[in-house]
Every structure is written in C-alpha cells, then in structure tokens.
Amino acid sequence: MTRLSREFYAGDTVEAARKLLGKYLVRMLDGEPLVGRITETEAYIGRCDKACHAYHYRRTGRTDVLFGPPGHAYIYFIYGMYHCLNFVTEPEGEPAAVLIRAVEPAAGIRTIRRLRFGDRPMTPYRKKNFMNGPGKVCQGLGLTTAENRLDLTGDVLFVCEALTDIGLPCPSPPKERMRSGPRVGIDYAEEARDFPWRFWLEKEE
C-alpha cells in the first residue's frame, strides 16, 4: 500500500500541516481500514513555539518522541478524557509535530461510528460533529497512548494520497479552499497564540 514517506515528515512542519489537508489517514484495526480525510491541522515547533510541549527543547518522558526520527505518532492524553494524535516532523533532534484536528470519515464508517457513539443513534448533531476535533479523531479511530510512537510508514497507521492507494474507490474531491488562522486553546502561549499555524479546508458554495 502506498503511503507518505519518511522524507515527507522530515520537512518543514508548517508546510507539512498544509500538505496533509485532503490526504487520507488510515488506521488498520483488526484487519479493517478505518479511514478519514484530513480536513484540519495545526503545526507546533519546539524551537520557537511556546505552545509546543517541547518548547525551547524541553525534553521529558512524554516529549521524548518529538526529538526522535520524523514520521512517528505522538499521542498524548489531556483533561483526563481525550487523546490527541500528532505526526512528528523535521529532522531528528528538532522537536516538532502536526496535530490532526479533524477528519471526514471515508471508509470503515460503521466501525468508526461504533467507536464514537456505541449503540446510540446517529442524530444530526452527532453526524455534524462526527470527527471534528482531535479527541474525536482518536476515539473514532481507536487510538490511545498504546499507539504512541507508531511508525507512520508502517502498516498500522499511515497517510496516503488517495483511497485508491489502499484499493478503495475514490470519489471526486469537493470544491473547497484552504484557510489558515491562529490555533485553538493556547491562550497561555503569549505571542505564539497568534501564529497562523492552524489550517483547514472550507467547502466553497
């Protein structure tokens, strides 16, 4: 199966956050591909970004993965409730990552729905808010800290350009444009809170 290479993740973090939009995140779970089209990302760069967990090269047991080779998953637990999936970027030793904020379910939707909502009915509200947040992404794809450090060039969690790369039919992409702006929930980060490092796809009318 075709997937993004290590070289993709080794590049500039902000550029990677942009380029990931529209690509397909694949999570293999019990032999089934759970797939979401990436629609929102955020960039975090430790050397200059007070919102990054490894700001100013702060290395701890949790952030150690950020200093390792690019193209690995950094999954952390927040608020005692949610997991967040990040892709480690830039050369080894430079702590940086892209947070996956939202995806649109594209395959394995029945399983994704069960992981998100159990047996509860799919109301219009739940459909609208299916995978539009980092915690929802991890919940729907069955990702926890047990998958922290996964190699994104492996067979369990990876990104591909199109559904055809994993043998699935690929619909025509919707008409949309990329938008950018400040990241979410980082008011503590002083000047970094205004960095326009959040990117998302907006459907055109």
C-alpha atoms as a PDB file:
ATOM      1  CA  MET A   1       0.000   0.000   0.000  1.00  0.00           C
ATOM      2  CA  THR A   2       1.282   3.448  -0.936  1.00  0.00           C
ATOM      3  CA  ARG A   3       1.805   5.882   1.922  1.00  0.00           C
ATOM      4  CA  LEU A   4       3.632   9.120   2.701  1.00  0.00           C
ATOM      5  CA  SER A   5       7.356   8.576   3.078  1.00  0.00           C
ATOM      6  CA  ARG A   6       9.729   9.431   5.889  1.00  0.00           C
ATOM      7  CA  GLU A   7      11.029  12.280   3.721  1.00  0.00           C
ATOM      8  CA  PHE A   8       7.618  13.961   3.768  1.00  0.00           C
ATOM      9  CA  TYR A   9       7.622  14.169   7.564  1.00  0.00           C
ATOM     10  CA  ALA A  10      11.267  15.289   7.696  1.00  0.00           C
ATOM     11  CA  GLY A  11      10.396  18.571   6.015  1.00  0.00           C
ATOM     12  CA  ASP A  12       9.133  21.893   7.341  1.00  0.00           C
ATOM     13  CA  THR A  13       6.336  21.471   9.897  1.00  0.00           C
ATOM     14  CA  VAL A  14       4.123  24.333   8.733  1.00  0.00           C
ATOM     15  CA  GLU A  15       4.386  23.135   5.152  1.00  0.00           C
ATOM     16  CA  ALA A  16       3.559  19.570   6.238  1.00  0.00           C
ATOM     17  CA  ALA A  17       0.473  20.833   8.095  1.00  0.00           C
ATOM     18  CA  ARG A  18      -0.719  22.445   4.861  1.00  0.00           C
ATOM     19  CA  LYS A  19       0.111  19.496   2.627  1.00  0.00           C
ATOM     20  CA  LEU A  20      -1.645  16.977   4.878  1.00  0.00           C
ATOM     21  CA  LEU A  21      -5.001  18.591   4.139  1.00  0.00           C
ATOM     22  CA  GLY A  22      -7.048  16.438   1.806  1.00  0.00           C
ATOM     23  CA  LYS A  23      -4.929  13.347   2.349  1.00  0.00           C
ATOM     24  CA  TYR A  24      -6.275  10.142   3.892  1.00  0.00           C
ATOM     25  CA  LEU A  25      -5.394   8.953   7.386  1.00  0.00           C
ATOM     26  CA  VAL A  26      -5.603   5.154   7.587  1.00  0.00           C
ATOM     27  CA  ARG A  27      -5.846   3.167  10.815  1.00  0.00           C
ATOM     28  CA  MET A  28      -5.784  -0.604  10.420  1.00  0.00           C
ATOM     29  CA  LEU A  29      -7.847  -2.130  13.215  1.00  0.00           C
ATOM     30  CA  ASP A  30      -8.382  -5.904  13.322  1.00  0.00           C
ATOM     31  CA  GLY A  31      -7.708  -6.067   9.592  1.00  0.00           C
ATOM     32  CA  GLU A  32     -10.199  -3.327   8.706  1.00  0.00           C
ATOM     33  CA  PRO A  33      -9.077   0.046   7.313  1.00  0.00           C
ATOM     34  CA  LEU A  34     -10.642   2.941   9.210  1.00  0.00           C
ATOM     35  CA  VAL A  35     -10.074   5.958   7.001  1.00  0.00           C
ATOM     36  CA  GLY A  36     -10.585   9.681   7.399  1.00  0.00           C
ATOM     37  CA  ARG A  37      -9.828  12.515   5.001  1.00  0.00           C
ATOM     38  CA  ILE A  38      -7.750  15.098   6.867  1.00  0.00           C
ATOM     39  CA  THR A  39      -9.549  18.451   6.961  1.00  0.00           C
ATOM     40  CA  GLU A  40      -7.865  20.390   9.783  1.00  0.00           C
ATOM     41  CA  THR A  41      -4.323  20.502  11.189  1.00  0.00           C
ATOM     42  CA  GLU A  42      -2.107  22.588  13.449  1.00  0.00           C
ATOM     43  CA  ALA A  43       1.681  22.989  13.413  1.00  0.00           C
ATOM     44  CA  TYR A  44       3.833  23.009  16.582  1.00  0.00           C
ATOM     45  CA  ILE A  45       7.574  23.778  16.525  1.00  0.00           C
ATOM     46  CA  GLY A  46       9.578  23.387  19.736  1.00  0.00           C
ATOM     47  CA  ARG A  47      12.464  25.694  18.952  1.00  0.00           C
ATOM     48  CA  CYS A  48      10.296  28.838  18.808  1.00  0.00           C
ATOM     49  CA  ASP A  49       6.744  27.971  19.838  1.00  0.00           C
ATOM     50  CA  LYS A  50       5.561  28.388  23.426  1.00  0.00           C
ATOM     51  CA  ALA A  51       2.504  26.277  22.649  1.00  0.00           C
ATOM     52  CA  CYS A  52       4.656  23.244  21.849  1.00  0.00           C
ATOM     53  CA  HIS A  53       5.161  20.649  24.594  1.00  0.00           C
ATOM     54  CA  ALA A  54       8.893  20.685  23.807  1.00  0.00           C
ATOM     55  CA  TYR A  55       9.298  24.463  23.675  1.00  0.00           C
ATOM     56  CA  HIS A  56      12.896  25.568  23.996  1.00  0.00           C
ATOM     57  CA  TYR A  57      13.978  21.913  23.590  1.00  0.00           C
ATOM     58  CA  ARG A  58      12.323  20.802  26.832  1.00  0.00           C
ATOM     59  CA  ARG A  59      12.727  17.023  26.827  1.00  0.00           C
ATOM     60  CA  THR A  60      10.692  14.797  29.156  1.00  0.00           C
ATOM     61  CA  GLY A  61       9.460  11.234  29.114  1.00  0.00           C
ATOM     62  CA  ARG A  62       6.337  12.384  27.310  1.00  0.00           C
ATOM     63  CA  THR A  63       8.016  14.628  24.735  1.00  0.00           C
ATOM     64  CA  ASP A  64      10.954  12.341  24.003  1.00  0.00           C
ATOM     65  CA  VAL A  65       9.268  11.034  20.855  1.00  0.00           C
ATOM     66  CA  LEU A  66       9.283  14.570  19.398  1.00  0.00           C
ATOM     67  CA  PHE A  67      13.084  14.509  19.368  1.00  0.00           C
ATOM     68  CA  GLY A  68      13.239  11.195  17.541  1.00  0.00           C
ATOM     69  CA  PRO A  69      13.033  10.340  13.859  1.00  0.00           C
ATOM     70  CA  PRO A  70      10.268  12.041  11.857  1.00  0.00           C
ATOM     71  CA  GLY A  71       7.275  10.063  10.726  1.00  0.00           C
ATOM     72  CA  HIS A  72       6.172   8.671  14.082  1.00  0.00           C
ATOM     73  CA  ALA A  73       2.957   9.203  16.033  1.00  0.00           C
ATOM     74  CA  TYR A  74       2.939  11.371  19.151  1.00  0.00           C
ATOM     75  CA  ILE A  75      -0.260  10.599  21.067  1.00  0.00           C
ATOM     76  CA  TYR A  76      -0.934  12.206  24.423  1.00  0.00           C
ATOM     77  CA  PHE A  77      -3.816  12.252  26.893  1.00  0.00           C
ATOM     78  CA  ILE A  78      -5.402  15.541  28.009  1.00  0.00           C
ATOM     79  CA  TYR A  79      -8.025  16.663  30.516  1.00  0.00           C
ATOM     80  CA  GLY A  80      -8.259  13.092  31.763  1.00  0.00           C
ATOM     81  CA  MET A  81     -10.627  12.415  28.851  1.00  0.00           C
ATOM     82  CA  TYR A  82      -9.170  12.783  25.355  1.00  0.00           C
ATOM     83  CA  HIS A  83      -6.289  11.544  23.229  1.00  0.00           C
ATOM     84  CA  CYS A  84      -4.645  13.718  20.568  1.00  0.00           C
ATOM     85  CA  LEU A  85      -2.789  12.442  17.506  1.00  0.00           C
ATOM     86  CA  ASN A  86       0.262  14.254  16.181  1.00  0.00           C
ATOM     87  CA  PHE A  87       2.773  13.447  13.444  1.00  0.00           C
ATOM     88  CA  VAL A  88       6.418  14.036  14.378  1.00  0.00           C
ATOM     89  CA  THR A  89       8.133  16.242  11.786  1.00  0.00           C
ATOM     90  CA  GLU A  90      11.519  17.782  10.936  1.00  0.00           C
ATOM     91  CA  PRO A  91      14.951  16.123  11.319  1.00  0.00           C
ATOM     92  CA  GLU A  92      15.781  14.081  14.397  1.00  0.00           C
ATOM     93  CA  GLY A  93      16.663  16.348  17.327  1.00  0.00           C
ATOM     94  CA  GLU A  94      14.275  19.131  16.254  1.00  0.00           C
ATOM     95  CA  PRO A  95      11.071  18.694  18.302  1.00  0.00           C
ATOM     96  CA  ALA A  96       8.077  19.487  16.121  1.00  0.00           C
ATOM     97  CA  ALA A  97       4.775  17.918  15.110  1.00  0.00           C
ATOM     98  CA  VAL A  98       1.490  18.380  13.284  1.00  0.00           C
ATOM     99  CA  LEU A  99      -1.703  17.896  15.295  1.00  0.00           C
ATOM    100  CA  ILE A 100      -4.558  16.228  13.405  1.00  0.00           C
ATOM    101  CA  ARG A 101      -7.567  18.277  14.474  1.00  0.00           C
ATOM    102  CA  ALA A 102     -10.303  16.914  12.218  1.00  0.00           C
ATOM    103  CA  VAL A 103     -11.055  14.309   9.573  1.00  0.00           C
ATOM    104  CA  GLU A 104     -14.051  13.333   7.468  1.00  0.00           C
ATOM    105  CA  PRO A 105     -14.805   9.586   7.755  1.00  0.00           C
ATOM    106  CA  ALA A 106     -14.262   7.936   4.379  1.00  0.00           C
ATOM    107  CA  ALA A 107     -14.140   4.150   4.963  1.00  0.00           C
ATOM    108  CA  GLY A 108     -14.875   1.788   7.835  1.00  0.00           C
ATOM    109  CA  ILE A 109     -17.597   4.224   8.849  1.00  0.00           C
ATOM    110  CA  ARG A 110     -19.709   1.661  10.677  1.00  0.00           C
ATOM    111  CA  THR A 111     -16.803   0.789  12.986  1.00  0.00           C
ATOM    112  CA  ILE A 112     -15.836   4.440  13.423  1.00  0.00           C
ATOM    113  CA  ARG A 113     -19.415   5.222  14.400  1.00  0.00           C
ATOM    114  CA  ARG A 114     -19.454   2.396  16.952  1.00  0.00           C
ATOM    115  CA  LEU A 115     -16.177   3.573  18.482  1.00  0.00           C
ATOM    116  CA  ARG A 116     -17.503   7.138  18.721  1.00  0.00           C
ATOM    117  CA  PHE A 117     -21.080   6.573  19.865  1.00  0.00           C
ATOM    118  CA  GLY A 118     -21.540   2.927  20.823  1.00  0.00           C
ATOM    119  CA  ASP A 119     -25.141   1.887  20.154  1.00  0.00           C
ATOM    120  CA  ARG A 120     -26.540   5.414  20.348  1.00  0.00           C
ATOM    121  CA  PRO A 121     -28.457   6.650  17.272  1.00  0.00           C
ATOM    122  CA  MET A 122     -26.740   8.849  14.698  1.00  0.00           C
ATOM    123  CA  THR A 123     -28.562  12.148  15.256  1.00  0.00           C
ATOM    124  CA  PRO A 124     -27.983  15.202  13.019  1.00  0.00           C
ATOM    125  CA  TYR A 125     -25.874  16.739  15.808  1.00  0.00           C
ATOM    126  CA  ARG A 126     -23.645  13.662  16.049  1.00  0.00           C
ATOM    127  CA  LYS A 127     -23.303  13.492  12.283  1.00  0.00           C
ATOM    128  CA  LYS A 128     -22.231  17.138  12.169  1.00  0.00           C
ATOM    129  CA  ASN A 129     -19.727  16.625  14.981  1.00  0.00           C
ATOM    130  CA  PHE A 130     -18.567  13.146  13.986  1.00  0.00           C
ATOM    131  CA  MET A 131     -14.774  13.715  13.798  1.00  0.00           C
ATOM    132  CA  ASN A 132     -14.359  17.494  14.060  1.00  0.00           C
ATOM    133  CA  GLY A 133     -11.946  17.576  16.987  1.00  0.00           C
ATOM    134  CA  PRO A 134      -8.658  15.885  17.922  1.00  0.00           C
ATOM    135  CA  GLY A 135     -10.231  13.801  20.699  1.00  0.00           C
ATOM    136  CA  LYS A 136     -12.989  12.669  18.341  1.00  0.00           C
ATOM    137  CA  VAL A 137     -10.405  11.652  15.736  1.00  0.00           C
ATOM    138  CA  CYS A 138      -8.618   9.396  18.211  1.00  0.00           C
ATOM    139  CA  GLN A 139     -11.825   7.964  19.622  1.00  0.00           C
ATOM    140  CA  GLY A 140     -13.228   7.166  16.178  1.00  0.00           C
ATOM    141  CA  LEU A 141     -10.002   5.502  15.043  1.00  0.00           C
ATOM    142  CA  GLY A 142      -9.417   3.606  18.273  1.00  0.00           C
ATOM    143  CA  LEU A 143      -6.169   5.438  19.074  1.00  0.00           C
ATOM    144  CA  THR A 144      -4.776   5.796  22.606  1.00  0.00           C
ATOM    145  CA  THR A 145      -1.350   6.207  24.164  1.00  0.00           C
ATOM    146  CA  ALA A 146      -0.879   2.490  23.441  1.00  0.00           C
ATOM    147  CA  GLU A 147      -0.268   3.593  19.831  1.00  0.00           C
ATOM    148  CA  ASN A 148       2.174   6.362  20.809  1.00  0.00           C
ATOM    149  CA  ARG A 149       5.412   6.177  18.787  1.00  0.00           C
ATOM    150  CA  LEU A 150       3.876   4.113  15.969  1.00  0.00           C
ATOM    151  CA  ASP A 151       5.853   4.354  12.739  1.00  0.00           C
ATOM    152  CA  LEU A 152       3.712   6.260  10.215  1.00  0.00           C
ATOM    153  CA  THR A 153       5.430   4.448   7.355  1.00  0.00           C
ATOM    154  CA  GLY A 154       4.338   1.074   8.743  1.00  0.00           C
ATOM    155  CA  ASP A 155       1.170  -0.966   8.312  1.00  0.00           C
ATOM    156  CA  VAL A 156      -0.944   0.099  11.314  1.00  0.00           C
ATOM    157  CA  LEU A 157      -1.245   3.895  10.991  1.00  0.00           C
ATOM    158  CA  PHE A 158      -0.294   5.846   7.881  1.00  0.00           C
ATOM    159  CA  VAL A 159      -1.344   8.538   5.417  1.00  0.00           C
ATOM    160  CA  CYS A 160      -1.951   8.097   1.688  1.00  0.00           C
ATOM    161  CA  GLU A 161      -2.787  10.457  -1.151  1.00  0.00           C
ATOM    162  CA  ALA A 162      -5.991   8.777  -2.279  1.00  0.00           C
ATOM    163  CA  LEU A 163      -8.356   5.961  -1.357  1.00  0.00           C
ATOM    164  CA  THR A 164      -7.232   4.131  -4.498  1.00  0.00           C
ATOM    165  CA  ASP A 165      -3.827   3.730  -2.801  1.00  0.00           C
ATOM    166  CA  ILE A 166      -5.470   1.216  -0.463  1.00  0.00           C
ATOM    167  CA  GLY A 167      -7.711  -0.353  -3.067  1.00  0.00           C
ATOM    168  CA  LEU A 168     -10.880   1.635  -2.349  1.00  0.00           C
ATOM    169  CA  PRO A 169     -12.929   3.731  -4.781  1.00  0.00           C
ATOM    170  CA  CYS A 170     -12.152   7.425  -4.555  1.00  0.00           C
ATOM    171  CA  PRO A 171     -14.949   9.977  -5.013  1.00  0.00           C
ATOM    172  CA  SER A 172     -14.358  13.279  -6.753  1.00  0.00           C
ATOM    173  CA  PRO A 173     -12.934  15.802  -4.278  1.00  0.00           C
ATOM    174  CA  PRO A 174     -15.339  18.543  -3.186  1.00  0.00           C
ATOM    175  CA  LYS A 175     -14.788  22.143  -4.180  1.00  0.00           C
ATOM    176  CA  GLU A 176     -13.003  23.727  -1.253  1.00  0.00           C
ATOM    177  CA  ARG A 177     -10.260  26.147  -0.316  1.00  0.00           C
ATOM    178  CA  MET A 178      -7.601  26.133   2.347  1.00  0.00           C
ATOM    179  CA  ARG A 179      -7.919  28.621   5.187  1.00  0.00           C
ATOM    180  CA  SER A 180      -5.473  29.482   7.960  1.00  0.00           C
ATOM    181  CA  GLY A 181      -5.574  31.244  11.300  1.00  0.00           C
ATOM    182  CA  PRO A 182      -4.488  31.072  14.956  1.00  0.00           C
ATOM    183  CA  ARG A 183      -4.516  27.730  16.720  1.00  0.00           C
ATOM    184  CA  VAL A 184      -7.177  26.690  19.228  1.00  0.00           C
ATOM    185  CA  GLY A 185      -6.958  26.654  23.038  1.00  0.00           C
ATOM    186  CA  ILE A 186      -3.459  28.098  23.522  1.00  0.00           C
ATOM    187  CA  ASP A 187      -4.118  31.466  25.152  1.00  0.00           C
ATOM    188  CA  TYR A 188      -1.287  30.730  27.616  1.00  0.00           C
ATOM    189  CA  ALA A 189       1.312  30.752  24.805  1.00  0.00           C
ATOM    190  CA  GLU A 190       1.845  34.538  24.732  1.00  0.00           C
ATOM    191  CA  GLU A 191       2.934  35.684  21.262  1.00  0.00           C
ATOM    192  CA  ALA A 192       2.688  32.127  19.897  1.00  0.00           C
ATOM    193  CA  ARG A 193      -1.083  32.157  20.301  1.00  0.00           C
ATOM    194  CA  ASP A 194      -1.272  34.431  17.258  1.00  0.00           C
ATOM    195  CA  PHE A 195       0.851  32.284  14.938  1.00  0.00           C
ATOM    196  CA  PRO A 196      -1.370  31.442  11.914  1.00  0.00           C
ATOM    197  CA  TRP A 197      -0.452  27.757  12.108  1.00  0.00           C
ATOM    198  CA  ARG A 198      -3.929  26.234  12.009  1.00  0.00           C
ATOM    199  CA  PHE A 199      -5.068  25.086   8.569  1.00  0.00           C
ATOM    200  CA  TRP A 200      -8.433  23.799   7.443  1.00  0.00           C
ATOM    201  CA  LEU A 201     -10.457  23.066   4.340  1.00  0.00           C
ATOM    202  CA  GLU A 202     -13.573  25.132   3.757  1.00  0.00           C
ATOM    203  CA  LYS A 203     -16.163  23.999   1.241  1.00  0.00           C
ATOM    204  CA  GLU A 204     -17.000  26.502  -1.445  1.00  0.00           C
ATOM    205  CA  GLU A 205     -20.615  27.364  -2.155  1.00  0.00           C
END
